[in-house]
PDB file of N, CA and C in Angstrom:
ATOM      1  N   MET A   1      72.578  97.949  79.171  1.00  0.00           N
ATOM      2  CA  MET A   1      74.313  98.240  79.137  1.00  0.00           C
ATOM      3  C   MET A   1      74.876  98.899  80.125  1.00  0.00           C
ATOM      4  N   ASP A   2      76.090  97.952  81.160  1.00  0.00           N
ATOM      5  CA  ASP A   2      76.673  98.498  82.130  1.00  0.00           C
ATOM      6  C   ASP A   2      77.488  99.603  81.827  1.00  0.00           C
ATOM      7  N   SER A   3      77.506 100.525  82.535  1.00  0.00           N
ATOM      8  CA  SER A   3      78.303 101.634  82.275  1.00  0.00           C
ATOM      9  C   SER A   3      79.847 101.148  82.532  1.00  0.00           C
ATOM     10  N   PRO A   4      81.013 101.822  81.837  1.00  0.00           N
ATOM     11  CA  PRO A   4      82.606 101.365  81.940  1.00  0.00           C
ATOM     12  C   PRO A   4      83.239 100.928  83.100  1.00  0.00           C
ATOM     13  N   GLN A   5      82.442 101.700  84.124  1.00  0.00           N
ATOM     14  CA  GLN A   5      82.647 101.436  85.933  1.00  0.00           C
ATOM     15  C   GLN A   5      82.281 100.179  86.366  1.00  0.00           C
ATOM     16  N   VAL A   6      80.975  99.957  85.876  1.00  0.00           N
ATOM     17  CA  VAL A   6      80.806  98.852  86.667  1.00  0.00           C
ATOM     18  C   VAL A   6      81.578  97.862  85.846  1.00  0.00           C
ATOM     19  N   LEU A   7      81.497  97.769  84.860  1.00  0.00           N
ATOM     20  CA  LEU A   7      82.205  96.733  83.970  1.00  0.00           C
ATOM     21  C   LEU A   7      83.405  96.607  84.603  1.00  0.00           C
ATOM     22  N   GLU A   8      84.633  97.724  85.473  1.00  0.00           N
ATOM     23  CA  GLU A   8      85.712  97.653  85.720  1.00  0.00           C
ATOM     24  C   GLU A   8      85.669  97.287  86.557  1.00  0.00           C
ATOM     25  N   ALA A   9      84.787  97.422  87.864  1.00  0.00           N
ATOM     26  CA  ALA A   9      84.392  96.462  89.139  1.00  0.00           C
ATOM     27  C   ALA A   9      84.694  95.005  88.882  1.00  0.00           C
ATOM     28  N   THR A  10      84.160  94.826  87.797  1.00  0.00           N
ATOM     29  CA  THR A  10      83.426  93.187  87.850  1.00  0.00           C
ATOM     30  C   THR A  10      84.613  92.646  87.078  1.00  0.00           C
ATOM     31  N   ALA A  11      85.306  93.281  86.612  1.00  0.00           N
ATOM     32  CA  ALA A  11      86.324  92.289  85.470  1.00  0.00           C
ATOM     33  C   ALA A  11      87.239  91.314  86.761  1.00  0.00           C
ATOM     34  N   PRO A  12      87.980  92.242  87.620  1.00  0.00           N
ATOM     35  CA  PRO A  12      88.519  92.092  88.595  1.00  0.00           C
ATOM     36  C   PRO A  12      87.770  90.174  89.218  1.00  0.00           C
ATOM     37  N   GLN A  13      86.757  90.348  89.566  1.00  0.00           N
ATOM     38  CA  GLN A  13      86.205  89.066  90.088  1.00  0.00           C
ATOM     39  C   GLN A  13      86.040  88.106  89.196  1.00  0.00           C
ATOM     40  N   ASP A  14      85.850  88.343  87.884  1.00  0.00           N
ATOM     41  CA  ASP A  14      85.852  87.582  87.021  1.00  0.00           C
ATOM     42  C   ASP A  14      87.414  86.571  86.479  1.00  0.00           C
ATOM     43  N   ASP A  15      88.318  87.415  86.551  1.00  0.00           N
ATOM     44  CA  ASP A  15      89.505  87.383  86.410  1.00  0.00           C
ATOM     45  C   ASP A  15      90.003  86.498  87.599  1.00  0.00           C
ATOM     46  N   ARG A  16      89.692  87.043  89.186  1.00  0.00           N
ATOM     47  CA  ARG A  16      89.879  86.353  90.399  1.00  0.00           C
ATOM     48  C   ARG A  16      89.038  84.958  90.120  1.00  0.00           C
ATOM     49  N   ALA A  17      87.889  84.618  89.631  1.00  0.00           N
ATOM     50  CA  ALA A  17      87.290  83.461  89.797  1.00  0.00           C
ATOM     51  C   ALA A  17      88.072  82.482  88.775  1.00  0.00           C
ATOM     52  N   ALA A  18      88.567  83.126  87.590  1.00  0.00           N
ATOM     53  CA  ALA A  18      89.591  82.354  86.729  1.00  0.00           C
ATOM     54  C   ALA A  18      90.437  81.916  87.444  1.00  0.00           C
ATOM     55  N   ILE A  19      91.519  82.683  88.044  1.00  0.00           N
ATOM     56  CA  ILE A  19      92.560  82.119  88.352  1.00  0.00           C
ATOM     57  C   ILE A  19      92.556  81.333  89.881  1.00  0.00           C
ATOM     58  N   ALA A  20      91.276  81.020  90.587  1.00  0.00           N
ATOM     59  CA  ALA A  20      90.875  80.065  91.657  1.00  0.00           C
ATOM     60  C   ALA A  20      90.245  78.791  90.814  1.00  0.00           C
ATOM     61  N   ASP A  21      89.956  78.999  89.242  1.00  0.00           N
ATOM     62  CA  ASP A  21      89.413  78.101  88.754  1.00  0.00           C
ATOM     63  C   ASP A  21      90.694  77.145  87.873  1.00  0.00           C
ATOM     64  N   VAL A  22      91.501  77.801  88.252  1.00  0.00           N
ATOM     65  CA  VAL A  22      93.054  77.546  87.736  1.00  0.00           C
ATOM     66  C   VAL A  22      93.835  76.773  89.051  1.00  0.00           C
ATOM     67  N   ILE A  23      93.675  77.183  89.866  1.00  0.00           N
ATOM     68  CA  ILE A  23      94.437  76.671  91.229  1.00  0.00           C
ATOM     69  C   ILE A  23      93.625  75.639  91.460  1.00  0.00           C
ATOM     70  N   ARG A  24      92.217  75.778  91.301  1.00  0.00           N
ATOM     71  CA  ARG A  24      91.697  73.870  91.676  1.00  0.00           C
ATOM     72  C   ARG A  24      91.739  72.990  90.558  1.00  0.00           C
ATOM     73  N   GLY A  25      92.092  73.122  89.254  1.00  0.00           N
ATOM     74  CA  GLY A  25      92.259  72.801  87.996  1.00  0.00           C
ATOM     75  C   GLY A  25      93.512  71.660  88.400  1.00  0.00           C
ATOM     76  N   TRP A  26      94.314  72.879  88.899  1.00  0.00           N
ATOM     77  CA  TRP A  26      95.624  72.305  88.840  1.00  0.00           C
ATOM     78  C   TRP A  26      96.111  71.286  90.037  1.00  0.00           C
ATOM     79  N   ALA A  27      95.225  71.512  91.202  1.00  0.00           N
ATOM     80  CA  ALA A  27      95.209  70.465  92.116  1.00  0.00           C
ATOM     81  C   ALA A  27      93.921  69.312  91.566  1.00  0.00           C
ATOM     82  N   GLU A  28      93.644  69.623  90.831  1.00  0.00           N
ATOM     83  CA  GLU A  28      92.830  67.912  90.839  1.00  0.00           C
ATOM     84  C   GLU A  28      93.804  67.390  90.209  1.00  0.00           C
ATOM     85  N   ALA A  29      94.473  67.767  88.783  1.00  0.00           N
ATOM     86  CA  ALA A  29      95.454  67.122  87.898  1.00  0.00           C
ATOM     87  C   ALA A  29      96.298  66.247  88.912  1.00  0.00           C
ATOM     88  N   SER A  30      97.170  67.558  89.710  1.00  0.00           N
ATOM     89  CA  SER A  30      98.273  66.708  90.466  1.00  0.00           C
ATOM     90  C   SER A  30      97.541  65.461  91.479  1.00  0.00           C
ATOM     91  N   ALA A  31      96.292  65.788  91.974  1.00  0.00           N
ATOM     92  CA  ALA A  31      95.928  64.705  92.869  1.00  0.00           C
ATOM     93  C   ALA A  31      95.520  63.104  91.748  1.00  0.00           C
ATOM     94  N   ALA A  32      95.322  63.712  90.267  1.00  0.00           N
ATOM     95  CA  ALA A  32      95.146  62.426  89.344  1.00  0.00           C
ATOM     96  C   ALA A  32      96.376  61.835  88.915  1.00  0.00           C
ATOM     97  N   LYS A  33      97.468  62.527  89.404  1.00  0.00           N
ATOM     98  CA  LYS A  33      98.997  62.110  88.848  1.00  0.00           C
ATOM     99  C   LYS A  33      98.805  62.253  87.497  1.00  0.00           C
ATOM    100  N   ASP A  34      98.053  63.434  86.537  1.00  0.00           N
ATOM    101  CA  ASP A  34      97.718  63.636  85.182  1.00  0.00           C
ATOM    102  C   ASP A  34      99.096  65.142  84.961  1.00  0.00           C
ATOM    103  N   ILE A  35     100.232  64.761  84.483  1.00  0.00           N
ATOM    104  CA  ILE A  35     101.302  65.446  84.775  1.00  0.00           C
ATOM    105  C   ILE A  35     101.219  66.531  83.464  1.00  0.00           C
ATOM    106  N   ASP A  36     100.695  65.594  81.985  1.00  0.00           N
ATOM    107  CA  ASP A  36     100.256  66.942  81.253  1.00  0.00           C
ATOM    108  C   ASP A  36      99.243  67.847  81.197  1.00  0.00           C
ATOM    109  N   ARG A  37      97.972  67.493  82.066  1.00  0.00           N
ATOM    110  CA  ARG A  37      97.289  68.464  82.680  1.00  0.00           C
ATOM    111  C   ARG A  37      97.821  69.124  83.174  1.00  0.00           C
ATOM    112  N   VAL A  38      98.142  68.968  84.700  1.00  0.00           N
ATOM    113  CA  VAL A  38      99.441  70.041  85.284  1.00  0.00           C
ATOM    114  C   VAL A  38     100.143  70.807  84.604  1.00  0.00           C
ATOM    115  N   MET A  39     100.712  70.298  84.007  1.00  0.00           N
ATOM    116  CA  MET A  39     101.921  71.221  82.729  1.00  0.00           C
ATOM    117  C   MET A  39     100.976  72.021  82.064  1.00  0.00           C
ATOM    118  N   ALA A  40      99.725  71.927  81.866  1.00  0.00           N
ATOM    119  CA  ALA A  40      98.937  72.909  80.917  1.00  0.00           C
ATOM    120  C   ALA A  40      98.686  73.652  82.031  1.00  0.00           C
ATOM    121  N   PHE A  41      98.585  74.383  83.180  1.00  0.00           N
ATOM    122  CA  PHE A  41      98.513  75.490  83.902  1.00  0.00           C
ATOM    123  C   PHE A  41      99.869  76.222  84.067  1.00  0.00           C
ATOM    124  N   PHE A  42     100.660  75.994  83.364  1.00  0.00           N
ATOM    125  CA  PHE A  42     101.701  76.326  83.351  1.00  0.00           C
ATOM    126  C   PHE A  42     102.532  77.455  82.358  1.00  0.00           C
ATOM    127  N   SER A  43     102.892  78.593  82.173  1.00  0.00           N
ATOM    128  CA  SER A  43     103.202  78.795  80.940  1.00  0.00           C
ATOM    129  C   SER A  43     104.232  78.809  80.935  1.00  0.00           C
ATOM    130  N   GLU A  44     104.718  79.103  79.617  1.00  0.00           N
ATOM    131  CA  GLU A  44     105.721  78.517  78.762  1.00  0.00           C
ATOM    132  C   GLU A  44     106.880  79.415  79.149  1.00  0.00           C
ATOM    133  N   ASN A  45     107.012  80.788  80.083  1.00  0.00           N
ATOM    134  CA  ASN A  45     107.650  81.498  80.623  1.00  0.00           C
ATOM    135  C   ASN A  45     108.164  81.123  82.500  1.00  0.00           C
ATOM    136  N   PHE A  46     107.440  80.041  82.822  1.00  0.00           N
ATOM    137  CA  PHE A  46     107.623  79.667  83.984  1.00  0.00           C
ATOM    138  C   PHE A  46     108.848  79.899  84.610  1.00  0.00           C
ATOM    139  N   ARG A  47     108.916  80.285  85.875  1.00  0.00           N
ATOM    140  CA  ARG A  47     110.459  81.051  86.139  1.00  0.00           C
ATOM    141  C   ARG A  47     110.104  80.643  88.354  1.00  0.00           C
ATOM    142  N   SER A  48     110.549  79.937  88.742  1.00  0.00           N
ATOM    143  CA  SER A  48     110.445  79.827  90.455  1.00  0.00           C
ATOM    144  C   SER A  48     111.313  80.233  90.997  1.00  0.00           C
ATOM    145  N   ASP A  49     111.819  80.367  92.363  1.00  0.00           N
ATOM    146  CA  ASP A  49     113.112  80.577  93.000  1.00  0.00           C
ATOM    147  C   ASP A  49     113.853  79.707  92.963  1.00  0.00           C
ATOM    148  N   ILE A  50     113.599  78.461  92.718  1.00  0.00           N
ATOM    149  CA  ILE A  50     114.133  77.081  92.706  1.00  0.00           C
ATOM    150  C   ILE A  50     114.248  76.132  91.576  1.00  0.00           C
ATOM    151  N   LEU A  51     113.274  76.511  90.419  1.00  0.00           N
ATOM    152  CA  LEU A  51     113.441  75.921  89.027  1.00  0.00           C
ATOM    153  C   LEU A  51     113.575  76.895  88.053  1.00  0.00           C
ATOM    154  N   ASP A  52     114.394  77.134  86.518  1.00  0.00           N
ATOM    155  CA  ASP A  52     114.524  77.923  85.732  1.00  0.00           C
ATOM    156  C   ASP A  52     113.911  77.469  84.774  1.00  0.00           C
ATOM    157  N   SER A  53     112.352  76.389  84.835  1.00  0.00           N
ATOM    158  CA  SER A  53     112.063  76.512  83.464  1.00  0.00           C
ATOM    159  C   SER A  53     110.773  75.708  83.545  1.00  0.00           C
ATOM    160  N   LYS A  54     109.834  75.730  82.770  1.00  0.00           N
ATOM    161  CA  LYS A  54     108.618  74.868  82.822  1.00  0.00           C
ATOM    162  C   LYS A  54     109.106  73.473  82.560  1.00  0.00           C
ATOM    163  N   ALA A  55     110.080  73.160  81.754  1.00  0.00           N
ATOM    164  CA  ALA A  55     110.643  71.816  81.909  1.00  0.00           C
ATOM    165  C   ALA A  55     111.265  71.411  83.234  1.00  0.00           C
ATOM    166  N   GLN A  56     111.960  72.102  84.182  1.00  0.00           N
ATOM    167  CA  GLN A  56     112.476  71.706  84.712  1.00  0.00           C
ATOM    168  C   GLN A  56     110.958  71.486  86.263  1.00  0.00           C
ATOM    169  N   MET A  57     110.030  71.943  85.991  1.00  0.00           N
ATOM    170  CA  MET A  57     108.982  72.049  86.874  1.00  0.00           C
ATOM    171  C   MET A  57     108.490  71.003  86.601  1.00  0.00           C
ATOM    172  N   ARG A  58     108.433  70.428  85.310  1.00  0.00           N
ATOM    173  CA  ARG A  58     107.821  69.198  84.906  1.00  0.00           C
ATOM    174  C   ARG A  58     108.259  68.088  85.245  1.00  0.00           C
ATOM    175  N   GLU A  59     109.724  68.193  85.730  1.00  0.00           N
ATOM    176  CA  GLU A  59     110.539  67.123  86.127  1.00  0.00           C
ATOM    177  C   GLU A  59     110.503  66.941  87.463  1.00  0.00           C
ATOM    178  N   TYR A  60     110.081  68.087  88.604  1.00  0.00           N
ATOM    179  CA  TYR A  60     110.084  67.989  89.649  1.00  0.00           C
ATOM    180  C   TYR A  60     108.796  67.266  89.976  1.00  0.00           C
ATOM    181  N   TRP A  61     107.757  68.020  89.360  1.00  0.00           N
ATOM    182  CA  TRP A  61     106.379  67.747  89.537  1.00  0.00           C
ATOM    183  C   TRP A  61     106.198  66.271  89.212  1.00  0.00           C
ATOM    184  N   SER A  62     106.956  65.719  88.452  1.00  0.00           N
ATOM    185  CA  SER A  62     106.728  64.016  87.885  1.00  0.00           C
ATOM    186  C   SER A  62     107.478  63.381  89.228  1.00  0.00           C
ATOM    187  N   LEU A  63     108.578  63.980  89.561  1.00  0.00           N
ATOM    188  CA  LEU A  63     109.110  63.116  90.789  1.00  0.00           C
ATOM    189  C   LEU A  63     108.064  63.295  91.902  1.00  0.00           C
ATOM    190  N   ALA A  64     107.641  64.200  92.152  1.00  0.00           N
ATOM    191  CA  ALA A  64     106.886  64.309  93.520  1.00  0.00           C
ATOM    192  C   ALA A  64     105.687  63.397  93.707  1.00  0.00           C
ATOM    193  N   MET A  65     104.976  63.369  92.230  1.00  0.00           N
ATOM    194  CA  MET A  65     104.123  62.480  92.170  1.00  0.00           C
ATOM    195  C   MET A  65     104.483  60.960  92.259  1.00  0.00           C
ATOM    196  N   LYS A  66     105.163  61.076  91.495  1.00  0.00           N
ATOM    197  CA  LYS A  66     106.204  59.501  91.763  1.00  0.00           C
ATOM    198  C   LYS A  66     106.130  59.077  93.194  1.00  0.00           C
ATOM    199  N   HIS A  67     106.467  60.149  93.942  1.00  0.00           N
ATOM    200  CA  HIS A  67     107.109  59.836  95.533  1.00  0.00           C
ATOM    201  C   HIS A  67     106.051  59.958  96.396  1.00  0.00           C
ATOM    202  N   GLY A  68     104.679  60.049  96.025  1.00  0.00           N
ATOM    203  CA  GLY A  68     103.554  60.171  96.462  1.00  0.00           C
ATOM    204  C   GLY A  68     103.433  61.488  97.267  1.00  0.00           C
ATOM    205  N   LEU A  69     104.270  63.000  96.464  1.00  0.00           N
ATOM    206  CA  LEU A  69     103.709  64.245  97.088  1.00  0.00           C
ATOM    207  C   LEU A  69     102.513  64.627  97.079  1.00  0.00           C
ATOM    208  N   THR A  70     101.624  64.311  96.388  1.00  0.00           N
ATOM    209  CA  THR A  70     100.285  64.828  95.641  1.00  0.00           C
ATOM    210  C   THR A  70      99.463  63.573  95.668  1.00  0.00           C
ATOM    211  N   ASP A  71      99.778  62.469  96.305  1.00  0.00           N
ATOM    212  CA  ASP A  71      98.800  61.830  97.340  1.00  0.00           C
ATOM    213  C   ASP A  71      97.796  62.170  97.910  1.00  0.00           C
ATOM    214  N   GLU A  72      96.542  62.116  97.374  1.00  0.00           N
ATOM    215  CA  GLU A  72      95.317  63.000  98.569  1.00  0.00           C
ATOM    216  C   GLU A  72      95.416  64.278  98.561  1.00  0.00           C
ATOM    217  N   ILE A  73      96.324  64.895  97.830  1.00  0.00           N
ATOM    218  CA  ILE A  73      96.392  66.462  97.691  1.00  0.00           C
ATOM    219  C   ILE A  73      95.265  67.587  98.417  1.00  0.00           C
ATOM    220  N   LYS A  74      95.530  67.833  99.040  1.00  0.00           N
ATOM    221  CA  LYS A  74      93.934  69.066  99.275  1.00  0.00           C
ATOM    222  C   LYS A  74      94.829  70.739  99.102  1.00  0.00           C
ATOM    223  N   VAL A  75      93.942  71.810  98.490  1.00  0.00           N
ATOM    224  CA  VAL A  75      94.529  72.734  98.591  1.00  0.00           C
ATOM    225  C   VAL A  75      93.821  73.510  98.760  1.00  0.00           C
ATOM    226  N   ARG A  76      94.261  74.606 100.067  1.00  0.00           N
ATOM    227  CA  ARG A  76      93.706  75.710 100.767  1.00  0.00           C
ATOM    228  C   ARG A  76      93.597  77.325  99.728  1.00  0.00           C
ATOM    229  N   PHE A  77      92.882  77.885  99.845  1.00  0.00           N
ATOM    230  CA  PHE A  77      93.114  79.229  99.534  1.00  0.00           C
ATOM    231  C   PHE A  77      92.214  79.988 100.034  1.00  0.00           C
ATOM    232  N   ASP A  78      92.390  81.374  99.931  1.00  0.00           N
ATOM    233  CA  ASP A  78      91.274  82.287  99.765  1.00  0.00           C
ATOM    234  C   ASP A  78      91.069  83.400  98.283  1.00  0.00           C
ATOM    235  N   PRO A  79      90.255  83.023  97.807  1.00  0.00           N
ATOM    236  CA  PRO A  79      90.241  83.777  96.108  1.00  0.00           C
ATOM    237  C   PRO A  79      89.907  85.216  96.528  1.00  0.00           C
ATOM    238  N   ALA A  80      90.163  85.974  97.373  1.00  0.00           N
ATOM    239  CA  ALA A  80      89.475  87.044  98.017  1.00  0.00           C
ATOM    240  C   ALA A  80      90.524  87.841  98.259  1.00  0.00           C
ATOM    241  N   GLU A  81      92.406  87.329  98.469  1.00  0.00           N
ATOM    242  CA  GLU A  81      93.349  86.880  98.788  1.00  0.00           C
ATOM    243  C   GLU A  81      94.173  87.276  97.221  1.00  0.00           C
ATOM    244  N   ILE A  82      93.758  86.624  96.094  1.00  0.00           N
ATOM    245  CA  ILE A  82      94.218  87.143  95.134  1.00  0.00           C
ATOM    246  C   ILE A  82      94.228  89.185  94.493  1.00  0.00           C
ATOM    247  N   ARG A  83      95.523  89.345  94.171  1.00  0.00           N
ATOM    248  CA  ARG A  83      95.594  90.621  94.073  1.00  0.00           C
ATOM    249  C   ARG A  83      96.351  90.453  92.667  1.00  0.00           C
ATOM    250  N   ILE A  84      95.107  91.077  91.754  1.00  0.00           N
ATOM    251  CA  ILE A  84      95.270  91.374  90.393  1.00  0.00           C
ATOM    252  C   ILE A  84      96.028  93.132  89.789  1.00  0.00           C
ATOM    253  N   ASP A  85      96.535  92.766  89.023  1.00  0.00           N
ATOM    254  CA  ASP A  85      97.307  93.976  88.296  1.00  0.00           C
ATOM    255  C   ASP A  85      97.470  94.061  87.267  1.00  0.00           C
ATOM    256  N   GLY A  86      96.331  93.962  86.388  1.00  0.00           N
ATOM    257  CA  GLY A  86      96.967  94.122  84.962  1.00  0.00           C
ATOM    258  C   GLY A  86      96.700  92.447  84.493  1.00  0.00           C
ATOM    259  N   ASP A  87      97.290  92.544  83.933  1.00  0.00           N
ATOM    260  CA  ASP A  87      97.648  91.212  83.092  1.00  0.00           C
ATOM    261  C   ASP A  87      98.732  90.115  84.119  1.00  0.00           C
ATOM    262  N   ILE A  88      99.098  90.647  85.844  1.00  0.00           N
ATOM    263  CA  ILE A  88      99.231  89.903  86.559  1.00  0.00           C
ATOM    264  C   ILE A  88      98.808  89.935  87.563  1.00  0.00           C
ATOM    265  N   ALA A  89      99.102  88.252  88.751  1.00  0.00           N
ATOM    266  CA  ALA A  89      98.380  88.291  89.236  1.00  0.00           C
ATOM    267  C   ALA A  89      99.187  87.851  90.654  1.00  0.00           C
ATOM    268  N   ILE A  90      98.533  87.781  91.950  1.00  0.00           N
ATOM    269  CA  ILE A  90      99.395  87.119  92.981  1.00  0.00           C
ATOM    270  C   ILE A  90      98.512  86.573  93.947  1.00  0.00           C
ATOM    271  N   THR A  91      98.648  85.287  94.385  1.00  0.00           N
ATOM    272  CA  THR A  91      98.091  84.843  95.738  1.00  0.00           C
ATOM    273  C   THR A  91      98.187  85.189  96.884  1.00  0.00           C
ATOM    274  N   GLY A  92      97.454  85.040  97.726  1.00  0.00           N
ATOM    275  CA  GLY A  92      97.711  84.794  98.661  1.00  0.00           C
ATOM    276  C   GLY A  92      98.245  83.350  99.429  1.00  0.00           C
ATOM    277  N   LYS A  93      98.412  83.138 100.706  1.00  0.00           N
ATOM    278  CA  LYS A  93      99.489  81.992 100.862  1.00  0.00           C
ATOM    279  C   LYS A  93      97.809  80.626 100.503  1.00  0.00           C
ATOM    280  N   VAL A  94      98.363  79.553  99.497  1.00  0.00           N
ATOM    281  CA  VAL A  94      98.180  78.829  99.634  1.00  0.00           C
ATOM    282  C   VAL A  94      98.756  77.109  99.648  1.00  0.00           C
ATOM    283  N   ARG A  95      97.290  76.754 100.492  1.00  0.00           N
ATOM    284  CA  ARG A  95      97.895  75.748 101.236  1.00  0.00           C
ATOM    285  C   ARG A  95      97.807  74.797 100.841  1.00  0.00           C
ATOM    286  N   GLN A  96      98.899  73.517 100.177  1.00  0.00           N
ATOM    287  CA  GLN A  96      98.870  72.397 100.191  1.00  0.00           C
ATOM    288  C   GLN A  96      98.966  71.101 101.170  1.00  0.00           C
ATOM    289  N   GLN A  97      98.305  70.485 101.565  1.00  0.00           N
ATOM    290  CA  GLN A  97      98.537  69.069 102.019  1.00  0.00           C
ATOM    291  C   GLN A  97      98.242  67.741 101.924  1.00  0.00           C
ATOM    292  N   ALA A  98      99.145  66.914 101.581  1.00  0.00           N
ATOM    293  CA  ALA A  98      98.995  65.253 101.139  1.00  0.00           C
ATOM    294  C   ALA A  98      99.164  64.337 101.776  1.00  0.00           C
ATOM    295  N   THR A  99      99.305  63.192 102.000  1.00  0.00           N
ATOM    296  CA  THR A  99      99.576  62.446 102.741  1.00  0.00           C
ATOM    297  C   THR A  99     100.441  62.489 103.718  1.00  0.00           C
ATOM    298  N   ILE A 100     102.018  62.620 102.815  1.00  0.00           N
ATOM    299  CA  ILE A 100     102.578  62.902 103.629  1.00  0.00           C
ATOM    300  C   ILE A 100     103.484  64.039 104.269  1.00  0.00           C
ATOM    301  N   GLY A 101     102.570  64.697 104.012  1.00  0.00           N
ATOM    302  CA  GLY A 101     102.923  66.366 104.095  1.00  0.00           C
ATOM    303  C   GLY A 101     102.409  67.570 103.301  1.00  0.00           C
ATOM    304  N   GLY A 102     103.124  68.594 104.127  1.00  0.00           N
ATOM    305  CA  GLY A 102     102.336  69.591 103.441  1.00  0.00           C
ATOM    306  C   GLY A 102     103.200  70.887 103.139  1.00  0.00           C
ATOM    307  N   TYR A 103     103.315  71.957 102.369  1.00  0.00           N
ATOM    308  CA  TYR A 103     103.818  73.342 102.481  1.00  0.00           C
ATOM    309  C   TYR A 103     102.466  74.597 102.011  1.00  0.00           C
ATOM    310  N   SER A 104     102.874  75.721 102.755  1.00  0.00           N
ATOM    311  CA  SER A 104     102.116  77.013 101.739  1.00  0.00           C
ATOM    312  C   SER A 104     103.326  77.431 100.626  1.00  0.00           C
ATOM    313  N   GLN A 105     102.736  77.922  99.809  1.00  0.00           N
ATOM    314  CA  GLN A 105     103.121  78.732  98.734  1.00  0.00           C
ATOM    315  C   GLN A 105     102.259  80.166  98.316  1.00  0.00           C
ATOM    316  N   VAL A 106     103.174  80.727  97.585  1.00  0.00           N
ATOM    317  CA  VAL A 106     102.411  81.879  97.091  1.00  0.00           C
ATOM    318  C   VAL A 106     102.674  81.710  95.526  1.00  0.00           C
ATOM    319  N   MET A 107     101.810  81.828  94.593  1.00  0.00           N
ATOM    320  CA  MET A 107     101.799  81.612  93.385  1.00  0.00           C
ATOM    321  C   MET A 107     101.515  82.956  92.505  1.00  0.00           C
ATOM    322  N   VAL A 108     102.119  82.861  91.593  1.00  0.00           N
ATOM    323  CA  VAL A 108     102.155  84.222  90.572  1.00  0.00           C
ATOM    324  C   VAL A 108     101.511  84.158  89.230  1.00  0.00           C
ATOM    325  N   PHE A 109     100.642  84.282  88.727  1.00  0.00           N
ATOM    326  CA  PHE A 109      99.819  84.004  87.508  1.00  0.00           C
ATOM    327  C   PHE A 109     100.151  85.116  86.186  1.00  0.00           C
ATOM    328  N   VAL A 110     100.069  85.033  85.108  1.00  0.00           N
ATOM    329  CA  VAL A 110      99.952  85.834  84.463  1.00  0.00           C
ATOM    330  C   VAL A 110      98.900  85.626  82.984  1.00  0.00           C
ATOM    331  N   LYS A 111      98.011  86.523  82.494  1.00  0.00           N
ATOM    332  CA  LYS A 111      96.848  86.440  81.670  1.00  0.00           C
ATOM    333  C   LYS A 111      98.036  86.754  80.596  1.00  0.00           C
ATOM    334  N   GLU A 112      97.946  85.304  79.941  1.00  0.00           N
ATOM    335  CA  GLU A 112      98.471  85.742  78.433  1.00  0.00           C
ATOM    336  C   GLU A 112      97.746  85.978  77.442  1.00  0.00           C
ATOM    337  N   LYS A 113      98.500  85.737  76.318  1.00  0.00           N
ATOM    338  CA  LYS A 113      97.807  86.275  74.984  1.00  0.00           C
ATOM    339  C   LYS A 113      96.788  85.732  74.568  1.00  0.00           C
ATOM    340  N   ASP A 114      96.224  84.676  74.701  1.00  0.00           N
ATOM    341  CA  ASP A 114      95.450  83.727  74.693  1.00  0.00           C
ATOM    342  C   ASP A 114      93.924  83.679  75.326  1.00  0.00           C
ATOM    343  N   GLY A 115      94.025  84.871  76.554  1.00  0.00           N
ATOM    344  CA  GLY A 115      93.248  85.257  77.698  1.00  0.00           C
ATOM    345  C   GLY A 115      93.102  84.195  78.492  1.00  0.00           C
ATOM    346  N   VAL A 116      94.167  83.510  79.099  1.00  0.00           N
ATOM    347  CA  VAL A 116      94.165  82.541  79.694  1.00  0.00           C
ATOM    348  C   VAL A 116      95.122  83.004  80.640  1.00  0.00           C
ATOM    349  N   TRP A 117      94.465  82.639  82.257  1.00  0.00           N
ATOM    350  CA  TRP A 117      95.517  83.164  83.363  1.00  0.00           C
ATOM    351  C   TRP A 117      96.575  81.728  83.591  1.00  0.00           C
ATOM    352  N   ARG A 118      98.060  81.691  83.485  1.00  0.00           N
ATOM    353  CA  ARG A 118      98.778  80.514  83.599  1.00  0.00           C
ATOM    354  C   ARG A 118     100.066  80.891  84.694  1.00  0.00           C
ATOM    355  N   ILE A 119     100.028  79.840  85.708  1.00  0.00           N
ATOM    356  CA  ILE A 119     101.073  80.224  86.437  1.00  0.00           C
ATOM    357  C   ILE A 119     102.406  80.615  85.745  1.00  0.00           C
ATOM    358  N   VAL A 120     103.375  81.887  86.525  1.00  0.00           N
ATOM    359  CA  VAL A 120     104.528  81.608  85.409  1.00  0.00           C
ATOM    360  C   VAL A 120     105.396  82.220  86.777  1.00  0.00           C
ATOM    361  N   ASP A 121     105.277  81.687  88.060  1.00  0.00           N
ATOM    362  CA  ASP A 121     105.890  81.806  89.330  1.00  0.00           C
ATOM    363  C   ASP A 121     105.254  81.273  90.144  1.00  0.00           C
ATOM    364  N   SER A 122     106.191  81.318  91.340  1.00  0.00           N
ATOM    365  CA  SER A 122     105.441  80.134  92.629  1.00  0.00           C
ATOM    366  C   SER A 122     106.743  80.039  93.465  1.00  0.00           C
ATOM    367  N   TYR A 123     106.377  80.527  94.904  1.00  0.00           N
ATOM    368  CA  TYR A 123     107.499  80.428  95.717  1.00  0.00           C
ATOM    369  C   TYR A 123     107.054  79.649  97.333  1.00  0.00           C
ATOM    370  N   ILE A 124     107.609  79.096  97.665  1.00  0.00           N
ATOM    371  CA  ILE A 124     107.331  78.544  98.914  1.00  0.00           C
ATOM    372  C   ILE A 124     107.870  79.272 100.176  1.00  0.00           C
ATOM    373  N   LEU A 125     106.601  79.598 101.004  1.00  0.00           N
ATOM    374  CA  LEU A 125     106.859  80.395 102.199  1.00  0.00           C
ATOM    375  C   LEU A 125     107.447  79.794 103.456  1.00  0.00           C
ATOM    376  N   GLY A 126     108.176  80.124 103.967  1.00  0.00           N
ATOM    377  CA  GLY A 126     109.075  79.863 105.268  1.00  0.00           C
ATOM    378  C   GLY A 126     108.560  78.294 105.774  1.00  0.00           C
TER     379      GLY A 126
END
């Protein structure tokens, strides 16, 4: 059996992999224009620098899909840049590129009571 020190050392990597899977799943759902699946990756407590709720994010992302902002979307990020502090995590730069342009953002995650990491905040970089 692993010692507690080994388990503590490996837990962040497991969480980092889970968060990376959320980002990849969110990108795949966005490319597929599956708004219900996209929104499953967001916390009910979502807030951002431009949107006050998960409902507003749903409306925003639905319009983005309608206007082609997610067409052929590709997302790049480095899982090693995900910083985890307990039940909160923050990414490094997450770069999104679609057919009509791109941007970079930082995403904040919370590990909710069900043990699932969900997006709770995001903000676009300069």
